[in-house]
Protein backbone atom coordinates (compact mmCIF):
# COMPACT_ATOMS: atom_id res chain seq x y z
CA UNK A 1 -26.91 -3.12 -23.33
CA UNK A 2 -25.02 -1.25 -20.57
CA UNK A 3 -28.23 0.16 -19.16
CA UNK A 4 -29.89 -3.28 -19.28
CA UNK A 5 -26.99 -4.73 -17.37
CA UNK A 6 -27.00 -2.12 -14.62
CA UNK A 7 -30.79 -2.39 -14.25
CA UNK A 8 -30.71 -6.12 -13.82
CA UNK A 9 -27.92 -5.98 -11.32
CA UNK A 10 -29.54 -3.24 -9.34
CA UNK A 11 -32.81 -5.26 -9.27
CA UNK A 12 -30.82 -8.19 -7.82
CA UNK A 13 -29.07 -5.92 -5.21
CA UNK A 14 -32.42 -4.47 -4.25
CA UNK A 15 -33.98 -7.95 -3.74
CA UNK A 16 -33.10 -10.85 -1.46
CA UNK A 17 -29.80 -11.39 -3.29
CA UNK A 18 -30.21 -15.09 -4.02
CA UNK A 19 -26.59 -16.22 -4.51
CA UNK A 20 -27.26 -18.40 -7.58
CA UNK A 21 -28.97 -15.64 -9.42
CA UNK A 22 -26.06 -13.32 -8.62
CA UNK A 23 -23.63 -15.92 -10.02
CA UNK A 24 -25.70 -16.07 -13.21
CA UNK A 25 -25.55 -12.26 -13.55
CA UNK A 26 -21.84 -12.29 -13.11
CA UNK A 27 -21.53 -15.13 -15.60
CA UNK A 28 -23.49 -13.04 -18.07
CA UNK A 29 -21.79 -9.72 -17.60
CA UNK A 30 -18.53 -10.23 -15.78
CA UNK A 31 -15.17 -10.57 -17.53
CA UNK A 32 -12.95 -12.21 -14.87
CA UNK A 33 -12.81 -15.87 -15.65
CA UNK A 34 -11.03 -16.73 -12.44
CA UNK A 35 -13.69 -15.01 -10.37
CA UNK A 36 -16.43 -16.77 -12.35
CA UNK A 37 -14.97 -20.11 -11.45
CA UNK A 38 -14.58 -19.06 -7.78
CA UNK A 39 -18.16 -17.85 -7.57
CA UNK A 40 -19.45 -21.08 -9.23
CA UNK A 41 -17.50 -23.57 -7.17
CA UNK A 42 -16.72 -21.84 -3.80
CA UNK A 43 -19.90 -20.44 -2.31
CA UNK A 44 -18.50 -19.36 0.98
CA UNK A 45 -19.56 -16.30 3.02
CA UNK A 46 -16.50 -14.45 1.78
CA UNK A 47 -17.24 -15.30 -1.89
CA UNK A 48 -20.80 -14.18 -1.38
CA UNK A 49 -19.55 -10.83 -0.08
CA UNK A 50 -17.07 -10.55 -2.99
CA UNK A 51 -19.99 -11.24 -5.44
CA UNK A 52 -22.07 -8.50 -3.93
CA UNK A 53 -19.13 -6.06 -4.21
CA UNK A 54 -18.28 -7.04 -7.75
CA UNK A 55 -21.86 -6.58 -8.92
CA UNK A 56 -22.14 -3.33 -7.00
CA UNK A 57 -19.20 -1.99 -9.00
CA UNK A 58 -20.59 -3.20 -12.30
CA UNK A 59 -23.92 -1.46 -11.49
CA UNK A 60 -22.03 1.78 -10.94
CA UNK A 61 -22.97 2.13 -7.31
CA UNK A 62 -20.80 3.44 -4.51
CA UNK A 63 -20.73 1.55 -1.20
CA UNK A 64 -22.75 4.34 0.39
CA UNK A 65 -25.31 4.15 -2.40
CA UNK A 66 -25.54 0.40 -1.97
CA UNK A 67 -26.03 0.77 1.75
CA UNK A 68 -28.91 3.24 1.18
CA UNK A 69 -30.52 1.11 -1.67
CA UNK A 70 -34.18 0.29 -0.79
CA UNK A 71 -34.55 -3.52 -0.26
CA UNK A 72 -37.59 -5.52 -1.27
CA UNK A 73 -36.62 -8.12 1.28
CA UNK A 74 -34.22 -8.07 4.29
CA UNK A 75 -33.82 -11.69 4.72
CA UNK A 76 -30.28 -13.05 4.64
CA UNK A 77 -28.87 -9.62 3.84
CA UNK A 78 -25.25 -9.52 2.94
CA UNK A 79 -23.25 -6.42 3.44
CA UNK A 80 -20.45 -5.81 1.03
CA UNK A 81 -17.01 -5.63 2.60
CA UNK A 82 -15.66 -2.27 3.40
CA UNK A 83 -12.98 -2.44 0.77
CA UNK A 84 -11.75 -0.03 -1.87
CA UNK A 85 -11.76 3.04 0.54
CA UNK A 86 -9.07 4.71 2.56
CA UNK A 87 -9.37 2.28 5.44
CA UNK A 88 -8.66 -0.79 3.35
CA UNK A 89 -4.91 -0.50 3.83
CA UNK A 90 -4.82 -2.71 6.92
CA UNK A 91 -4.41 -6.42 6.95
CA UNK A 92 -8.20 -6.62 6.77
CA UNK A 93 -11.12 -4.45 5.67
CA UNK A 94 -13.17 -2.69 8.26
CA UNK A 95 -16.84 -3.66 8.71
CA UNK A 96 -19.40 -1.18 7.65
CA UNK A 97 -22.68 -0.55 9.54
CA UNK A 98 -25.67 -0.82 7.19
CA UNK A 99 -29.13 0.24 8.28
CA UNK A 100 -31.63 -2.42 7.52
CA UNK A 101 -34.76 -0.45 8.05
CA UNK A 102 -35.84 2.66 10.16
CA UNK A 103 -36.27 1.57 13.80
CA UNK A 104 -34.35 -1.73 13.31
CA UNK A 105 -30.99 -2.34 14.95
CA UNK A 106 -27.87 -1.77 12.89
CA UNK A 107 -25.90 -4.86 12.00
CA UNK A 108 -22.15 -5.07 11.46
CA UNK A 109 -20.98 -5.72 7.96
CA UNK A 110 -18.87 -8.72 6.89
CA UNK A 111 -15.15 -8.34 7.41
CA UNK A 112 -13.05 -9.53 4.49
CA UNK A 113 -9.30 -9.73 4.82
CA UNK A 114 -6.94 -8.67 2.04
CA UNK A 115 -5.77 -12.24 1.54
CA UNK A 116 -9.34 -13.31 1.07
CA UNK A 117 -10.03 -10.39 -1.25
CA UNK A 118 -6.86 -11.05 -3.14
CA UNK A 119 -6.11 -14.84 -2.94
CA UNK A 120 -2.93 -14.46 -5.11
CA UNK A 121 -1.15 -12.99 -2.06
CA UNK A 122 -1.00 -16.52 -0.63
CA UNK A 123 0.56 -17.88 -3.79
CA UNK A 124 4.26 -18.56 -3.93
CA UNK A 125 4.22 -17.01 -7.45
CA UNK A 126 3.03 -13.64 -6.10
CA UNK A 127 5.48 -10.90 -7.12
CA UNK A 128 7.59 -9.66 -4.17
CA UNK A 129 6.71 -6.07 -5.06
CA UNK A 130 2.98 -6.73 -4.31
CA UNK A 131 3.96 -8.18 -0.86
CA UNK A 132 5.90 -4.97 -0.10
CA UNK A 133 3.01 -2.93 -1.45
CA UNK A 134 0.60 -4.59 1.10
CA UNK A 135 2.99 -3.52 3.95
CA UNK A 136 2.93 0.04 2.58
CA UNK A 137 -0.84 -0.07 2.40
CA UNK A 138 -0.99 -1.01 6.09
CA UNK A 139 1.32 1.93 6.88
CA UNK A 140 -0.75 4.35 4.82
CA UNK A 141 -3.95 3.08 6.43
CA UNK A 142 -2.55 3.48 9.94
CA UNK A 143 -1.31 6.98 9.12
CA UNK A 144 -4.68 7.93 7.79
CA UNK A 145 -6.56 6.63 10.89
CA UNK A 146 -4.16 8.36 13.34
CA UNK A 147 -4.35 11.76 11.53
CA UNK A 148 -8.08 11.54 11.05
CA UNK A 149 -8.62 10.74 14.72
CA UNK A 150 -6.57 13.78 15.71
CA UNK A 151 -8.54 15.97 13.39
CA UNK A 152 -11.85 14.76 14.81
CA UNK A 153 -10.66 15.44 18.31
CA UNK A 154 -9.48 19.00 17.51
CA UNK A 155 -11.45 22.19 17.93
CA UNK A 156 -12.27 24.45 15.04
CA UNK A 157 -9.16 26.58 15.31
CA UNK A 158 -6.65 25.93 12.46
CA UNK A 159 -3.12 25.22 13.54
CA UNK A 160 0.08 24.02 11.83
CA UNK A 161 -0.58 20.66 13.44
CA UNK A 162 -4.10 20.42 11.95
CA UNK A 163 -2.78 21.45 8.61
CA UNK A 164 -0.14 18.70 8.70
CA UNK A 165 -2.77 16.16 9.72
CA UNK A 166 -5.05 17.23 6.88
CA UNK A 167 -2.16 16.77 4.46
CA UNK A 168 -1.38 13.31 5.98
CA UNK A 169 -5.02 12.23 5.65
CA UNK A 170 -5.24 13.20 1.99
CA UNK A 171 -1.78 11.77 1.03
CA UNK A 172 -2.42 8.53 2.91
CA UNK A 173 -5.81 8.12 1.24
CA UNK A 174 -4.50 8.76 -2.21
CA UNK A 175 -1.51 6.40 -1.62
CA UNK A 176 -3.80 3.72 -0.32
CA UNK A 177 -6.12 3.99 -3.30
CA UNK A 178 -3.21 3.92 -5.69
CA UNK A 179 -1.93 0.73 -4.20
CA UNK A 180 -5.42 -0.84 -3.97
CA UNK A 181 -5.82 -0.31 -7.70
CA UNK A 182 -2.60 -2.19 -8.22
CA UNK A 183 -3.94 -5.21 -6.35
CA UNK A 184 -7.22 -5.16 -8.23
CA UNK A 185 -5.49 -4.83 -11.54
CA UNK A 186 -3.26 -7.81 -10.80
CA UNK A 187 -6.20 -9.91 -9.56
CA UNK A 188 -8.25 -9.08 -12.75
CA UNK A 189 -5.41 -9.31 -15.34
CA UNK A 190 -2.59 -11.38 -13.80
CA UNK A 191 -0.04 -8.68 -14.65
CA UNK A 192 1.33 -5.65 -12.87
CA UNK A 193 -0.14 -2.24 -13.56
CA UNK A 194 3.06 -0.55 -12.39
CA UNK A 195 1.72 2.96 -11.77
CA UNK A 196 2.11 3.19 -7.94
CA UNK A 197 4.97 5.12 -6.54
CA UNK A 198 6.49 1.94 -5.13
CA UNK A 199 7.56 0.83 -8.61
CA UNK A 200 9.75 3.86 -9.10
CA UNK A 201 11.25 3.19 -5.69
CA UNK A 202 11.86 -0.42 -6.57
CA UNK A 203 13.55 0.75 -9.78
CA UNK A 204 15.89 2.94 -7.71
CA UNK A 205 16.65 -0.06 -5.46
CA UNK A 206 17.40 -2.17 -8.50
CA UNK A 207 19.92 0.46 -9.64
CA UNK A 208 21.54 0.48 -6.28
CA UNK A 209 21.72 -3.29 -6.19
CA UNK A 210 24.01 -3.13 -9.16
CA UNK A 211 26.67 -1.29 -7.09
CA UNK A 212 29.58 -3.22 -5.48
CA UNK A 213 29.77 -3.25 -1.68
CA UNK A 214 32.78 -0.89 -1.87
CA UNK A 215 30.97 1.57 -4.19
CA UNK A 216 27.88 1.45 -2.07
CA UNK A 217 29.80 2.27 1.14
CA UNK A 218 31.66 5.08 -0.69
CA UNK A 219 28.48 6.66 -1.90
CA UNK A 220 26.88 6.33 1.58
CA UNK A 221 29.84 8.04 3.18
CA UNK A 222 29.58 10.89 0.70
CA UNK A 223 25.90 11.26 1.28
CA UNK A 224 26.49 11.34 5.04
CA UNK A 225 29.07 14.04 4.77
CA UNK A 226 27.01 16.17 2.46
CA UNK A 227 23.84 15.60 4.56
CA UNK A 228 25.76 16.89 7.77
CA UNK A 229 27.29 19.80 5.81
CA UNK A 230 23.90 21.08 4.47
CA UNK A 231 22.21 20.48 7.78
CA UNK A 232 24.65 22.86 9.40
CA UNK A 233 24.00 25.47 6.66
CA UNK A 234 20.29 25.25 7.34
CA UNK A 235 20.79 25.50 11.05
CA UNK A 236 23.16 28.48 10.77
CA UNK A 237 20.75 30.26 8.41
CA UNK A 238 17.84 29.66 10.80
CA UNK A 239 19.80 30.89 13.80
CA UNK A 240 20.69 34.12 11.87
CA UNK A 241 17.01 34.61 11.03
CA UNK A 242 17.61 34.23 7.27
CA UNK A 243 16.28 30.90 6.07
CA UNK A 244 18.19 29.50 3.09
CA UNK A 245 15.82 27.68 0.86
CA UNK A 246 18.53 26.38 -1.47
CA UNK A 247 20.37 24.90 1.49
CA UNK A 248 17.14 23.37 2.78
CA UNK A 249 16.35 21.77 -0.63
CA UNK A 250 19.94 20.37 -0.84
CA UNK A 251 19.67 19.06 2.68
CA UNK A 252 16.39 17.26 1.91
CA UNK A 253 17.86 15.83 -1.24
CA UNK A 254 21.06 14.51 0.38
CA UNK A 255 18.95 13.20 3.33
CA UNK A 256 16.75 11.18 0.98
CA UNK A 257 19.79 9.89 -0.89
CA UNK A 258 21.39 8.80 2.37
CA UNK A 259 18.30 6.96 3.45
CA UNK A 260 18.10 5.12 0.17
CA UNK A 261 21.66 4.03 0.34
CA UNK A 262 21.37 3.02 4.00
CA UNK A 263 18.26 0.90 3.19
CA UNK A 264 20.24 -0.86 0.46
CA UNK A 265 23.16 -1.44 2.91
CA UNK A 266 20.77 -2.66 5.60
CA UNK A 267 19.13 -5.02 3.05
CA UNK A 268 22.49 -6.54 2.11
CA UNK A 269 23.47 -6.90 5.80
CA UNK A 270 20.21 -8.54 6.65
CA UNK A 271 20.60 -11.04 3.77
CA UNK A 272 24.11 -12.02 4.98
CA UNK A 273 22.92 -12.19 8.64
CA UNK A 274 20.22 -14.57 7.48
CA UNK A 275 22.71 -16.73 5.58
CA UNK A 276 25.04 -16.83 8.64
CA UNK A 277 22.10 -17.95 10.85
CA UNK A 278 21.21 -20.65 8.43
CA UNK A 279 24.86 -21.82 8.28
CA UNK A 280 25.12 -21.72 12.05
CA UNK A 281 22.00 -23.88 12.36
CA UNK A 282 23.48 -26.43 9.97
CA UNK A 283 26.78 -26.36 11.90
CA UNK A 284 24.96 -26.92 15.21
CA UNK A 285 22.92 -29.88 13.72
CA UNK A 286 26.12 -31.47 12.39
CA UNK A 287 27.94 -30.91 15.68
CA UNK A 288 25.17 -32.55 17.70
CA UNK A 289 25.10 -35.52 15.41
CA UNK A 290 28.92 -35.87 15.39
CA UNK A 291 29.09 -35.93 19.21
CA UNK A 292 26.07 -38.12 19.75
CA UNK A 293 26.89 -41.45 21.35
CA UNK A 294 26.66 -44.36 18.88
CA UNK A 295 27.40 -42.42 15.76
CA UNK A 296 29.37 -44.63 13.32
CA UNK A 297 32.96 -43.52 12.73
CA UNK A 298 32.39 -43.24 8.98
CA UNK A 299 29.42 -40.84 9.68
CA UNK A 300 31.60 -38.86 12.11
CA UNK A 301 34.23 -38.41 9.38
CA UNK A 302 31.60 -37.01 6.99
CA UNK A 303 30.10 -34.80 9.77
CA UNK A 304 33.50 -33.45 10.54
CA UNK A 305 33.98 -32.53 6.88
CA UNK A 306 30.53 -30.77 6.94
CA UNK A 307 31.56 -28.90 10.14
CA UNK A 308 34.68 -27.68 8.53
CA UNK A 309 32.91 -26.46 5.41
CA UNK A 310 30.17 -24.72 7.46
CA UNK A 311 32.75 -23.01 9.67
CA UNK A 312 34.67 -21.72 6.65
CA UNK A 313 31.43 -20.41 5.10
CA UNK A 314 30.41 -18.70 8.35
CA UNK A 315 33.82 -17.05 8.64
CA UNK A 316 33.69 -15.87 4.99
CA UNK A 317 30.21 -14.38 5.47
CA UNK A 318 31.23 -12.76 8.73
CA UNK A 319 34.13 -11.00 6.99
CA UNK A 320 31.75 -9.66 4.33
CA UNK A 321 29.44 -8.51 7.07
CA UNK A 322 32.27 -6.68 8.75
CA UNK A 323 33.18 -4.85 5.54
CA UNK A 324 29.61 -3.58 5.34
CA UNK A 325 29.77 -2.06 8.79
CA UNK A 326 32.90 0.08 9.06
CA UNK A 327 33.47 1.76 12.41
CA UNK A 328 33.54 5.25 11.02
CA UNK A 329 30.30 4.93 9.04
CA UNK A 330 28.21 6.66 11.64
CA UNK A 331 30.61 9.59 12.07
CA UNK A 332 30.29 12.13 9.24
CA UNK A 333 33.17 14.23 10.53
CA UNK A 334 35.56 11.26 10.59
CA UNK A 335 34.38 10.29 7.15
CA UNK A 336 35.22 13.68 5.90
CA UNK A 337 38.68 13.66 7.45
CA UNK A 338 39.37 10.29 5.92
CA UNK A 339 38.32 11.48 2.49
CA UNK A 340 40.42 14.68 2.81
C-alpha cells in the first residue's frame, strides 16, 4: 500500500501536475482534514504550491530530488515553496531555482509566506508561544544567513572566527528546524508539540511571573552583584595568566540568571507602560470632550468624574512603575553596599 501510494504520487509529480488530480491523491492518502478542505475549496496559487509540497513529502522526496525529477510535461510547472529548510525562519520562504530542462532559462520558484503556509498564525486563537516562536525563527534564519555568507567569503584558512561562524550555522539551522516542526505539528494536529527549547524558556518565565515585584527586584539585585563579582574573578585570573574555569562557569550562570530576571522585569514595565498609555489616551479624549463648546453640563459632570478616575489610575500605575525602576538597580556596587 505504501509503495503504491508513493508510486502514484511520484507519477503525478513527474507529469503536468493537474491540480484536480493532485487533490484526489491527497483526498485518498492524506490525513489532514483541514488541508483536504482547503485544497478542495481554495484553489489559489499558494494552495497549489502547498499541495505539491505536501505530496512531495508523502512521496518521500526531498526538495532537491523533486527539483531534479524528470518531467513528462513542463507546461504550467509549479515549484514547491522553499520551506522546511534552514532559510525558512524568515517571515517568508525563499524562492528556489528549478531547472526546467537543459538549455532552458531557470525560473524562480513560488514564494510562500509563513502566514500562508500556516494560516493559524492569523487566528486570534493562535497560542502566544507560537507567535514568539516565529520571531525566534526569524532571528535564527538571519543568524544562519549572516554566518553562512561570512563563511562563503572566507579563504580556506581556519580561524577562530570561522569556527564560531560554523557553530552559528549549525546551531541556527537546528533551532530553525526544531521550531519549524512545532509549526507543522500544530497545523496538522491542532495541539502543541512542546519539544522546542522555547517551551522550557517559557516555563522559566512562568515561574518568574509568580514572583512579587519586590521579590523579583531583590533577586535581580542579587544576580547583578554576583555577576559583577564573578566577572572580576574571571578578569583577575585572565590578567594573571591562570584562567579560572569554575569562575567562568559561575559568571556565565549568573549572567544568564540576571538576563532572565531583567527580561521579566522589562516585561512587567512594558505592560504597565502600555496601560498608562491607554489610560492617558482615555483621559485626553475625555478632556477634549469636556472642554468642547456646546457640551451639556450633565455630560461635563460625567466627563469630569471620568477624568478624575483616569488621573487616579495613571498616578497609581506610575507609582508601580517607579517601584520597578529603583535608581540603584544599575549599580552593582551600590546594591552590594545596601545589602551589606
